[in-house]
Structures are given as C-alpha cells and as structure tokens.
Amino acid sequence: MNVSLSKAQFFLLLFIIQTGVVYIAFQTPLIIGSQTNAWWIFMVGSVIHYGLLLFFERNYQYFYLNAFFRWIYQIYWLLLTAILIAYMGYVLASWVLPQTPEWIVVVIIAALSLYANVSRPETVINMSVMLLPIILLFVIFLMLALPDLTWSNLFPVEWNNKQIIAGIIHSTYAYFGIEMYLIYRPYVQKELQVKGKPLFIYQLVIFIFSLCRLFLRKCFLVWRRSSLFQSQLCIF
C-alpha cells in the first residue's frame, strides 16, 4: 500500500475503526456484567488500552504479517464485518428505519463497506474525515439527554471479583481494532512523532468519548436487576 499518513489522518482512521459499531454496543455486556461498577472498571480497562498503545508504539517496527497469517487475519475481519453489519442492520431497523425492510438496510451498509474496501486508501481516509461532523452532531444529540439522567445509578460501588473480571474483559470491546495500530503505524510520515503527547491526547479523546456514552446509558435507565431490564438494555 503506497500511502503516507499524517498524524491527524492516522489517529482519525484509528478512531473510526476503534469506535464504529462497537460504540453503540460495548456498554450492554459491560453494564450487565459489572452493574454499578461498570464505569470505574471501564477506566481500568482504558489504562490497559493506553499501556498497549505505548507498547505498540515502542515495538511496531518488529511487527510483520506473513502470507499465512495475513489470510487468517483477512478471514477474521470478514467474519467480524458480517457480524457487525448484521448488528448495525438490527439497530437501524429497530430504532432508525423501522418501516424499511431489513434487507434494504443491510444492502446499503454492505454497499458502503464494499466501496470502502475496493477504493484507494486515500478514499477511505477522506471518508473518515467526512464522518467528523456526523460524530460531533451525534454527541450534541446525546447531550440533550443530560436533564433526564439519574446519576445515582452509578452507585453503590462495591468490590466483586467476578464483576471486576467480567468488566475488564467487556471494557476491551470499546477499544476493538487496536491491532490496526500496528498495521497503519509504518505508513505515518517518518519525520512525525506519534509517541508522547499525540498518543496521550488520542487515548484521552477516545476514552472520554466512550465514557460519556457509558454514563448516558447507565444513568438514563432505571436500574433493575431483572431479566426484563437486561432485555431492554440490549436494545437501548
């Protein structure tokens, strides 16, 4: 791939990959598994994620995918993309386009994904830039729910080994696709420095972005430990 990335393009591309559909999906298993401990366990998971970024930045030049593992990774992403497209189609059909046949929603999403995969790398990068206003608009709409939040849903905080282990595992879903750092990092312009402040700012942005969504989902619903609550939470 003959492409050169600036720091902004690199981090924006990584941000789009790491959030994607996972941004609206990672909170459900995390809240169900950790209950009121979800928010601070997610903070612990974010520290682990930052540690991985530092490790990747230090050792990315040693990373190499041979032909066999390249095929394995492509099959992995193919299966994963199919699952994410199905989930996105379910969410859109349930909440955004309830009167539209599901197959039409899936075709639209699949067509956009196919276009991104067969296009030149520069096209994919430009598509990521165009998503910025949409992301900002989405955040603004989320902020409209602030008056209706019940902040007491965040407490009490309790120490439960089972919840902590499950929460740390589920909190990693928010940073899905971190391995893309190793794949795209060699294409960043050599004279640019990624480690240090730029890497910390990226971690801070994606952490706050995900934590705000976790707070909104956790505080917007009345906490009830029941199967009915979990079924409602899964589609919220």
Protein backbone atom coordinates (compact mmCIF):
# COMPACT_ATOMS: atom_id res chain seq x y z
CA MET A 1 0.00 0.00 0.00
CA ASN A 2 1.65 3.18 -1.23
CA VAL A 3 0.24 5.81 1.09
CA SER A 4 1.62 8.36 3.52
CA LEU A 5 -0.37 9.40 6.58
CA SER A 6 -0.13 12.50 8.71
CA LYS A 7 -0.66 12.21 12.47
CA ALA A 8 -4.20 13.57 12.19
CA GLN A 9 -5.10 11.11 9.43
CA PHE A 10 -3.57 8.21 11.32
CA PHE A 11 -5.39 8.89 14.58
CA LEU A 12 -8.67 9.71 12.84
CA LEU A 13 -8.55 6.46 10.88
CA LEU A 14 -7.75 4.54 14.05
CA PHE A 15 -10.56 6.34 15.91
CA ILE A 16 -13.15 5.43 13.26
CA ILE A 17 -12.02 1.80 13.28
CA GLN A 18 -12.00 1.51 17.07
CA THR A 19 -15.40 3.08 17.59
CA GLY A 20 -17.52 2.12 14.60
CA VAL A 21 -20.48 -0.05 15.51
CA VAL A 22 -18.83 -1.01 18.80
CA TYR A 23 -19.55 2.47 20.16
CA ILE A 24 -23.24 1.66 20.45
CA ALA A 25 -22.73 -1.95 21.51
CA PHE A 26 -19.97 -2.27 24.11
CA GLN A 27 -21.98 -0.80 27.02
CA THR A 28 -24.57 -3.59 27.15
CA PRO A 29 -22.34 -6.53 28.20
CA LEU A 30 -20.24 -4.22 30.37
CA ILE A 31 -23.22 -2.92 32.39
CA ILE A 32 -24.87 -6.33 32.67
CA GLY A 33 -21.63 -7.97 33.78
CA SER A 34 -20.38 -5.24 36.13
CA GLN A 35 -23.61 -3.50 37.19
CA THR A 36 -22.83 -0.36 39.22
CA ASN A 37 -19.08 -0.99 38.94
CA ALA A 38 -19.11 -0.61 35.16
CA TRP A 39 -17.84 2.98 34.99
CA TRP A 40 -14.73 2.62 37.14
CA ILE A 41 -13.87 -0.80 35.70
CA PHE A 42 -14.02 0.81 32.26
CA MET A 43 -11.45 3.34 33.48
CA VAL A 44 -9.16 0.46 34.46
CA GLY A 45 -9.66 -1.10 31.03
CA SER A 46 -8.77 2.24 29.43
CA VAL A 47 -5.47 2.34 31.34
CA ILE A 48 -4.70 -1.15 30.00
CA HIS A 49 -5.53 0.06 26.49
CA TYR A 50 -3.17 3.01 26.84
CA GLY A 51 -0.44 0.66 28.03
CA LEU A 52 -0.95 -1.44 24.89
CA LEU A 53 -0.69 1.67 22.70
CA LEU A 54 2.61 2.57 24.35
CA PHE A 55 3.86 -0.99 23.85
CA PHE A 56 2.79 -0.99 20.19
CA GLU A 57 4.46 2.37 19.58
CA ARG A 58 7.70 1.09 21.03
CA ASN A 59 7.74 -2.17 19.07
CA TYR A 60 5.65 -1.64 15.90
CA GLN A 61 8.71 -1.87 13.62
CA TYR A 62 9.12 -5.54 14.61
CA PHE A 63 5.57 -6.45 13.60
CA TYR A 64 5.21 -8.41 10.37
CA LEU A 65 2.33 -10.40 8.90
CA ASN A 66 3.46 -13.22 6.64
CA ALA A 67 1.21 -14.60 3.90
CA PHE A 68 -0.39 -17.28 6.10
CA PHE A 69 -1.31 -15.01 9.00
CA ARG A 70 -2.41 -12.30 6.54
CA TRP A 71 -5.02 -14.70 5.18
CA ILE A 72 -6.07 -15.68 8.69
CA TYR A 73 -6.48 -12.02 9.63
CA GLN A 74 -8.48 -11.27 6.48
CA ILE A 75 -10.85 -14.19 7.20
CA TYR A 76 -11.18 -12.93 10.79
CA TRP A 77 -12.14 -9.44 9.62
CA LEU A 78 -14.50 -10.85 7.01
CA LEU A 79 -16.43 -12.80 9.65
CA LEU A 80 -16.32 -9.87 12.04
CA THR A 81 -17.58 -7.44 9.40
CA ALA A 82 -20.52 -9.74 8.66
CA ILE A 83 -21.43 -9.82 12.37
CA LEU A 84 -21.12 -6.04 12.73
CA ILE A 85 -23.16 -5.38 9.59
CA ALA A 86 -25.89 -7.68 10.92
CA TYR A 87 -25.89 -5.89 14.28
CA MET A 88 -25.93 -2.45 12.67
CA GLY A 89 -28.80 -3.53 10.44
CA TYR A 90 -30.70 -4.73 13.52
CA VAL A 91 -30.16 -1.43 15.37
CA LEU A 92 -31.12 0.70 12.36
CA ALA A 93 -34.15 -1.43 11.58
CA SER A 94 -35.31 -1.27 15.21
CA TRP A 95 -34.70 2.40 16.01
CA VAL A 96 -33.99 4.47 12.89
CA LEU A 97 -35.74 2.79 9.94
CA PRO A 98 -38.46 0.58 11.47
CA GLN A 99 -40.65 0.74 8.37
CA THR A 100 -37.84 -0.16 5.96
CA PRO A 101 -37.31 -3.85 5.06
CA GLU A 102 -34.23 -5.19 6.81
CA TRP A 103 -32.65 -6.47 3.59
CA ILE A 104 -32.58 -2.93 2.19
CA VAL A 105 -30.78 -1.66 5.30
CA VAL A 106 -28.24 -4.49 5.09
CA VAL A 107 -27.65 -3.87 1.36
CA ILE A 108 -26.98 -0.16 1.97
CA ILE A 109 -24.49 -0.89 4.77
CA ALA A 110 -22.81 -3.68 2.79
CA ALA A 111 -22.51 -1.44 -0.28
CA LEU A 112 -20.77 1.28 1.75
CA SER A 113 -18.43 -1.29 3.28
CA LEU A 114 -17.64 -2.78 -0.13
CA TYR A 115 -16.97 0.66 -1.58
CA ALA A 116 -14.54 1.43 1.23
CA ASN A 117 -12.71 -1.87 0.71
CA VAL A 118 -12.30 -1.65 -3.07
CA SER A 119 -11.41 2.05 -3.14
CA ARG A 120 -7.96 3.54 -2.90
CA PRO A 121 -6.60 4.14 0.63
CA GLU A 122 -6.90 7.89 0.14
CA THR A 123 -10.66 7.50 -0.41
CA VAL A 124 -11.10 5.64 2.88
CA ILE A 125 -9.12 8.33 4.71
CA ASN A 126 -11.24 11.08 3.18
CA MET A 127 -14.40 9.22 4.17
CA SER A 128 -13.16 9.23 7.75
CA VAL A 129 -12.68 12.99 7.60
CA MET A 130 -16.23 13.43 6.32
CA LEU A 131 -17.54 11.50 9.32
CA LEU A 132 -16.23 14.10 11.78
CA PRO A 133 -19.24 16.47 11.53
CA ILE A 134 -21.59 13.49 11.93
CA ILE A 135 -19.76 12.37 15.08
CA LEU A 136 -19.92 15.87 16.56
CA LEU A 137 -23.63 16.13 15.73
CA PHE A 138 -24.23 12.73 17.34
CA VAL A 139 -22.50 13.88 20.54
CA ILE A 140 -24.62 17.05 20.63
CA PHE A 141 -27.82 14.99 20.36
CA LEU A 142 -26.63 12.75 23.18
CA MET A 143 -26.09 15.78 25.41
CA LEU A 144 -29.80 16.58 25.12
CA ALA A 145 -30.46 13.66 27.49
CA LEU A 146 -28.47 15.21 30.36
CA PRO A 147 -31.50 16.63 32.25
CA ASP A 148 -33.09 13.17 32.32
CA LEU A 149 -30.10 11.29 33.72
CA THR A 150 -30.25 9.56 37.09
CA TRP A 151 -26.71 9.84 38.45
CA SER A 152 -27.47 7.63 41.44
CA ASN A 153 -27.38 4.68 39.03
CA LEU A 154 -23.57 4.88 39.26
CA PHE A 155 -23.60 3.84 42.91
CA PRO A 156 -23.03 2.00 45.16
CA VAL A 157 -19.52 0.95 44.16
CA GLU A 158 -18.64 -2.46 45.53
CA TRP A 159 -15.75 -4.88 45.23
CA ASN A 160 -16.80 -8.06 43.46
CA ASN A 161 -14.10 -10.22 41.87
CA LYS A 162 -16.49 -11.80 39.38
CA GLN A 163 -17.82 -8.44 38.24
CA ILE A 164 -14.34 -6.96 38.00
CA ILE A 165 -13.01 -9.77 35.82
CA ALA A 166 -16.08 -9.71 33.57
CA GLY A 167 -15.97 -5.91 33.40
CA ILE A 168 -12.32 -5.73 32.36
CA ILE A 169 -12.96 -8.26 29.61
CA HIS A 170 -16.06 -6.41 28.38
CA SER A 171 -14.41 -2.99 28.62
CA THR A 172 -11.91 -4.05 25.96
CA TYR A 173 -14.80 -4.14 23.46
CA ALA A 174 -14.75 -0.34 23.46
CA TYR A 175 -11.23 -0.41 22.01
CA PHE A 176 -11.86 -3.02 19.43
CA GLY A 177 -9.43 -2.97 16.49
CA ILE A 178 -6.40 -1.80 18.46
CA GLU A 179 -4.22 -4.13 16.38
CA MET A 180 -4.76 -1.76 13.45
CA TYR A 181 -2.23 0.49 15.17
CA LEU A 182 0.48 -1.98 14.21
CA ILE A 183 -0.73 -2.18 10.62
CA TYR A 184 -1.11 1.56 9.92
CA ARG A 185 1.74 2.92 12.05
CA PRO A 186 4.50 2.23 9.44
CA TYR A 187 2.65 4.45 6.94
CA VAL A 188 2.88 7.55 9.13
CA GLN A 189 5.37 10.04 7.75
CA LYS A 190 8.79 9.25 9.18
CA GLU A 191 9.55 12.77 10.37
CA LEU A 192 6.39 12.92 12.50
CA GLN A 193 6.42 11.94 16.17
CA VAL A 194 3.49 9.91 17.45
CA LYS A 195 4.66 8.90 20.90
CA GLY A 196 4.25 11.17 23.90
CA LYS A 197 1.66 13.94 23.80
CA PRO A 198 -0.10 12.97 20.50
CA LEU A 199 -0.65 9.40 21.67
CA PHE A 200 -1.88 10.55 25.08
CA ILE A 201 -4.32 13.03 23.51
CA TYR A 202 -5.72 10.27 21.27
CA GLN A 203 -6.22 7.98 24.26
CA LEU A 204 -7.86 10.80 26.22
CA VAL A 205 -10.27 11.64 23.37
CA ILE A 206 -11.42 8.09 22.72
CA PHE A 207 -11.67 7.45 26.48
CA ILE A 208 -13.89 10.49 27.13
CA PHE A 209 -15.94 9.74 24.02
CA SER A 210 -16.67 6.18 25.18
CA LEU A 211 -17.07 7.04 28.87
CA CYS A 212 -19.71 9.68 28.11
CA ARG A 213 -21.73 7.11 26.17
CA LEU A 214 -21.38 4.65 29.05
CA PHE A 215 -22.58 7.28 31.55
CA LEU A 216 -25.55 8.17 29.35
CA ARG A 217 -26.69 4.59 29.00
CA LYS A 218 -26.05 3.76 32.65
CA CYS A 219 -27.79 6.84 34.03
CA PHE A 220 -30.65 7.07 31.57
CA LEU A 221 -32.24 3.80 32.62
CA VAL A 222 -33.74 2.95 36.00
CA TRP A 223 -31.57 0.16 37.39
CA ARG A 224 -33.50 -3.03 37.99
CA ARG A 225 -31.79 -6.36 38.39
CA SER A 226 -34.18 -8.36 36.32
CA SER A 227 -34.32 -10.19 33.01
CA LEU A 228 -36.75 -7.55 31.74
CA PHE A 229 -34.18 -4.81 32.39
CA GLN A 230 -31.47 -6.76 30.60
CA SER A 231 -33.68 -7.32 27.57
CA GLN A 232 -34.48 -3.60 27.44
CA LEU A 233 -30.82 -2.73 27.88
CA CYS A 234 -29.73 -4.92 25.00
CA ILE A 235 -31.67 -2.82 22.50
CA PHE A 236 -31.12 0.61 24.08
